[in-house]
Amino acid sequence: SSVDNVEIIEYAGAFGASTLFLILPALMAWQCRYGDDVRPLTVRPMVPFGKIVLGSLYKAAGTLIVEQGLEKLGVFEFIQQILLHTGQ
């Protein structure tokens, strides 16, 4: 039972941290710049080059979250075992 709790905390930490530190900052910057109630910026943006960079942040965050999910599900180990078994 304690092992299950540790796994749950590990999953929550991995996906929660990814969401908190990768997706939310990019989402907040996008909303501030391109949201419905756009106001003139009072300071220069910390992330330059506009939509391309913010879109790249979303893509990187999505890739990392999917990779973490596949690793937690054991997909990479499964594929590695199949490839090693087929090579013999």
N, C-alpha and C. Protein backbone atom coordinates (compact mmCIF):
# COMPACT_ATOMS: atom_id res chain seq x y z
N SER A 1 0.82 -1.19 0.00
CA SER A 1 0.00 0.00 0.00
C SER A 1 0.87 1.26 0.00
N SER A 2 1.95 1.25 0.77
CA SER A 2 2.82 2.42 0.79
C SER A 2 3.55 2.59 -0.54
N VAL A 3 3.82 1.47 -1.22
CA VAL A 3 4.44 1.54 -2.54
C VAL A 3 3.49 2.22 -3.52
N ASP A 4 2.20 1.88 -3.44
CA ASP A 4 1.21 2.51 -4.30
C ASP A 4 1.15 4.01 -4.05
N ASN A 5 1.22 4.41 -2.78
CA ASN A 5 1.18 5.83 -2.45
C ASN A 5 2.40 6.56 -3.00
N VAL A 6 3.55 5.92 -2.94
CA VAL A 6 4.77 6.53 -3.47
C VAL A 6 4.65 6.69 -4.98
N GLU A 7 4.11 5.68 -5.66
CA GLU A 7 3.93 5.78 -7.11
C GLU A 7 2.95 6.89 -7.47
N ILE A 8 1.89 7.02 -6.70
CA ILE A 8 0.90 8.06 -6.96
C ILE A 8 1.54 9.43 -6.81
N ILE A 9 2.33 9.61 -5.76
CA ILE A 9 3.00 10.90 -5.55
C ILE A 9 4.00 11.16 -6.67
N GLU A 10 4.67 10.11 -7.13
CA GLU A 10 5.63 10.26 -8.21
C GLU A 10 4.94 10.70 -9.50
N TYR A 11 3.81 10.07 -9.83
CA TYR A 11 3.06 10.46 -11.01
C TYR A 11 2.56 11.89 -10.89
N ALA A 12 1.98 12.23 -9.76
CA ALA A 12 1.45 13.58 -9.55
C ALA A 12 2.56 14.62 -9.63
N GLY A 13 3.70 14.31 -9.08
CA GLY A 13 4.82 15.24 -9.12
C GLY A 13 5.34 15.44 -10.53
N ALA A 14 5.47 14.38 -11.28
CA ALA A 14 6.00 14.48 -12.64
C ALA A 14 5.08 15.29 -13.53
N PHE A 15 3.80 14.95 -13.52
CA PHE A 15 2.87 15.63 -14.42
C PHE A 15 2.47 17.00 -13.87
N GLY A 16 2.39 17.14 -12.56
CA GLY A 16 2.06 18.43 -11.97
C GLY A 16 3.16 19.45 -12.20
N ALA A 17 4.40 19.04 -12.03
CA ALA A 17 5.53 19.95 -12.25
C ALA A 17 5.62 20.34 -13.72
N SER A 18 5.38 19.38 -14.61
CA SER A 18 5.42 19.70 -16.04
C SER A 18 4.35 20.71 -16.40
N THR A 19 3.17 20.52 -15.86
CA THR A 19 2.08 21.46 -16.14
C THR A 19 2.39 22.82 -15.53
N LEU A 20 2.83 22.82 -14.29
CA LEU A 20 3.06 24.06 -13.57
C LEU A 20 4.20 24.89 -14.17
N PHE A 21 5.29 24.24 -14.53
CA PHE A 21 6.47 24.98 -14.96
C PHE A 21 6.65 25.05 -16.47
N LEU A 22 5.92 24.26 -17.24
CA LEU A 22 6.09 24.29 -18.70
C LEU A 22 4.88 24.88 -19.41
N ILE A 23 3.69 24.43 -19.06
CA ILE A 23 2.51 24.86 -19.80
C ILE A 23 1.95 26.18 -19.28
N LEU A 24 1.82 26.32 -17.98
CA LEU A 24 1.19 27.53 -17.43
C LEU A 24 1.92 28.83 -17.77
N PRO A 25 3.25 28.91 -17.66
CA PRO A 25 3.89 30.18 -18.03
C PRO A 25 3.66 30.57 -19.48
N ALA A 26 3.75 29.60 -20.39
CA ALA A 26 3.51 29.91 -21.80
C ALA A 26 2.05 30.31 -22.02
N LEU A 27 1.14 29.64 -21.34
CA LEU A 27 -0.28 29.97 -21.46
C LEU A 27 -0.57 31.37 -20.92
N MET A 28 0.04 31.73 -19.81
CA MET A 28 -0.16 33.06 -19.24
C MET A 28 0.41 34.14 -20.16
N ALA A 29 1.58 33.90 -20.73
CA ALA A 29 2.17 34.88 -21.66
C ALA A 29 1.30 35.03 -22.90
N TRP A 30 0.79 33.91 -23.42
CA TRP A 30 -0.08 33.95 -24.60
C TRP A 30 -1.36 34.74 -24.29
N GLN A 31 -1.96 34.46 -23.15
CA GLN A 31 -3.20 35.15 -22.77
C GLN A 31 -2.96 36.65 -22.59
N CYS A 32 -1.84 37.01 -21.99
CA CYS A 32 -1.53 38.42 -21.78
C CYS A 32 -1.31 39.13 -23.10
N ARG A 33 -0.65 38.48 -24.05
CA ARG A 33 -0.33 39.12 -25.33
C ARG A 33 -1.47 39.06 -26.33
N TYR A 34 -2.14 37.91 -26.43
CA TYR A 34 -3.06 37.68 -27.53
C TYR A 34 -4.48 37.35 -27.08
N GLY A 35 -4.79 37.52 -25.80
CA GLY A 35 -6.11 37.20 -25.28
C GLY A 35 -7.16 38.19 -25.77
N ASP A 36 -8.41 37.97 -25.35
CA ASP A 36 -9.52 38.80 -25.78
C ASP A 36 -9.41 40.23 -25.27
N ASP A 37 -8.93 40.40 -24.07
CA ASP A 37 -8.84 41.75 -23.49
C ASP A 37 -7.40 42.25 -23.54
N VAL A 38 -6.88 42.38 -24.76
CA VAL A 38 -5.50 42.80 -24.96
C VAL A 38 -5.36 44.27 -24.59
N ARG A 39 -4.39 44.53 -23.74
CA ARG A 39 -4.04 45.89 -23.36
C ARG A 39 -2.62 46.16 -23.82
N PRO A 40 -2.27 47.40 -24.01
CA PRO A 40 -0.89 47.70 -24.40
C PRO A 40 0.09 47.24 -23.31
N LEU A 41 1.19 46.64 -23.73
CA LEU A 41 2.19 46.18 -22.78
C LEU A 41 2.93 47.37 -22.19
N THR A 42 3.18 47.32 -20.89
CA THR A 42 3.90 48.41 -20.23
C THR A 42 5.40 48.12 -20.15
N VAL A 43 5.78 46.87 -20.32
CA VAL A 43 7.19 46.48 -20.32
C VAL A 43 7.44 45.59 -21.53
N ARG A 44 8.70 45.47 -21.90
CA ARG A 44 9.04 44.59 -23.02
C ARG A 44 8.80 43.13 -22.62
N PRO A 45 8.32 42.30 -23.54
CA PRO A 45 8.12 40.88 -23.23
C PRO A 45 9.44 40.19 -22.90
N MET A 46 9.39 39.29 -21.92
CA MET A 46 10.59 38.53 -21.55
C MET A 46 10.87 37.42 -22.55
N VAL A 47 9.85 36.95 -23.24
CA VAL A 47 10.01 35.93 -24.28
C VAL A 47 9.85 36.63 -25.62
N PRO A 48 10.94 36.84 -26.36
CA PRO A 48 10.86 37.57 -27.62
C PRO A 48 10.30 36.72 -28.77
N PHE A 49 10.05 37.34 -29.89
CA PHE A 49 9.66 36.71 -31.17
C PHE A 49 8.23 36.18 -31.20
N GLY A 50 7.41 36.51 -30.24
CA GLY A 50 5.98 36.28 -30.34
C GLY A 50 5.51 34.85 -30.39
N LYS A 51 4.59 34.60 -31.32
CA LYS A 51 3.84 33.35 -31.36
C LYS A 51 4.70 32.13 -31.67
N ILE A 52 5.77 32.31 -32.43
CA ILE A 52 6.62 31.17 -32.79
C ILE A 52 7.27 30.57 -31.54
N VAL A 53 7.83 31.42 -30.70
CA VAL A 53 8.50 30.92 -29.49
C VAL A 53 7.49 30.33 -28.51
N LEU A 54 6.36 31.01 -28.33
CA LEU A 54 5.35 30.46 -27.41
C LEU A 54 4.79 29.14 -27.93
N GLY A 55 4.58 29.04 -29.22
CA GLY A 55 4.13 27.77 -29.80
C GLY A 55 5.17 26.67 -29.61
N SER A 56 6.45 27.03 -29.73
CA SER A 56 7.53 26.06 -29.51
C SER A 56 7.56 25.60 -28.05
N LEU A 57 7.27 26.52 -27.13
CA LEU A 57 7.21 26.12 -25.72
C LEU A 57 6.08 25.11 -25.48
N TYR A 58 4.93 25.35 -26.10
CA TYR A 58 3.82 24.39 -25.98
C TYR A 58 4.22 23.03 -26.54
N LYS A 59 4.88 23.05 -27.70
CA LYS A 59 5.28 21.78 -28.33
C LYS A 59 6.29 21.03 -27.45
N ALA A 60 7.26 21.75 -26.92
CA ALA A 60 8.25 21.12 -26.04
C ALA A 60 7.59 20.57 -24.79
N ALA A 61 6.69 21.33 -24.20
CA ALA A 61 5.99 20.87 -23.00
C ALA A 61 5.16 19.63 -23.30
N GLY A 62 4.43 19.66 -24.40
CA GLY A 62 3.62 18.50 -24.77
C GLY A 62 4.46 17.27 -25.01
N THR A 63 5.59 17.45 -25.69
CA THR A 63 6.49 16.33 -25.96
C THR A 63 7.03 15.74 -24.66
N LEU A 64 7.46 16.60 -23.74
CA LEU A 64 7.99 16.10 -22.47
C LEU A 64 6.92 15.38 -21.65
N ILE A 65 5.71 15.89 -21.65
CA ILE A 65 4.64 15.25 -20.88
C ILE A 65 4.28 13.89 -21.49
N VAL A 66 4.19 13.82 -22.81
CA VAL A 66 3.91 12.53 -23.46
C VAL A 66 5.05 11.55 -23.21
N GLU A 67 6.28 12.03 -23.28
CA GLU A 67 7.43 11.16 -23.01
C GLU A 67 7.40 10.62 -21.59
N GLN A 68 7.08 11.48 -20.62
CA GLN A 68 6.98 11.03 -19.23
C GLN A 68 5.88 9.99 -19.08
N GLY A 69 4.76 10.23 -19.73
CA GLY A 69 3.65 9.27 -19.65
C GLY A 69 4.03 7.92 -20.23
N LEU A 70 4.68 7.93 -21.38
CA LEU A 70 5.10 6.67 -22.00
C LEU A 70 6.13 5.94 -21.14
N GLU A 71 7.02 6.71 -20.53
CA GLU A 71 8.02 6.08 -19.65
C GLU A 71 7.35 5.47 -18.43
N LYS A 72 6.39 6.19 -17.83
CA LYS A 72 5.70 5.67 -16.65
C LYS A 72 4.88 4.42 -16.98
N LEU A 73 4.35 4.36 -18.19
CA LEU A 73 3.57 3.20 -18.61
C LEU A 73 4.45 2.02 -19.02
N GLY A 74 5.74 2.25 -19.18
CA GLY A 74 6.66 1.18 -19.54
C GLY A 74 6.74 0.89 -21.03
N VAL A 75 6.30 1.84 -21.84
CA VAL A 75 6.30 1.62 -23.29
C VAL A 75 7.72 1.52 -23.83
N PHE A 76 8.63 2.36 -23.34
CA PHE A 76 10.00 2.33 -23.83
C PHE A 76 10.69 1.00 -23.50
N GLU A 77 10.48 0.50 -22.30
CA GLU A 77 11.06 -0.80 -21.92
C GLU A 77 10.48 -1.92 -22.78
N PHE A 78 9.19 -1.85 -23.04
CA PHE A 78 8.53 -2.86 -23.87
C PHE A 78 9.12 -2.87 -25.28
N ILE A 79 9.28 -1.70 -25.86
CA ILE A 79 9.85 -1.60 -27.21
C ILE A 79 11.30 -2.07 -27.21
N GLN A 80 12.04 -1.72 -26.18
CA GLN A 80 13.43 -2.15 -26.08
C GLN A 80 13.51 -3.68 -25.99
N GLN A 81 12.64 -4.29 -25.22
CA GLN A 81 12.64 -5.75 -25.10
C GLN A 81 12.28 -6.40 -26.44
N ILE A 82 11.33 -5.84 -27.16
CA ILE A 82 10.95 -6.38 -28.46
C ILE A 82 12.12 -6.29 -29.43
N LEU A 83 12.79 -5.12 -29.46
CA LEU A 83 13.91 -4.94 -30.38
C LEU A 83 15.08 -5.85 -30.04
N LEU A 84 15.36 -6.01 -28.75
CA LEU A 84 16.46 -6.90 -28.35
C LEU A 84 16.12 -8.36 -28.63
N HIS A 85 14.87 -8.73 -28.42
CA HIS A 85 14.44 -10.10 -28.66
C HIS A 85 14.44 -10.43 -30.15
N THR A 86 14.05 -9.47 -30.99
CA THR A 86 14.01 -9.70 -32.43
C THR A 86 15.41 -9.76 -33.00
N GLY A 87 16.34 -9.04 -32.42
CA GLY A 87 17.71 -9.03 -32.93
C GLY A 87 18.47 -10.31 -32.66
N GLN A 88 18.00 -11.16 -31.78
CA GLN A 88 18.75 -12.38 -31.44
C GLN A 88 18.41 -13.53 -32.33
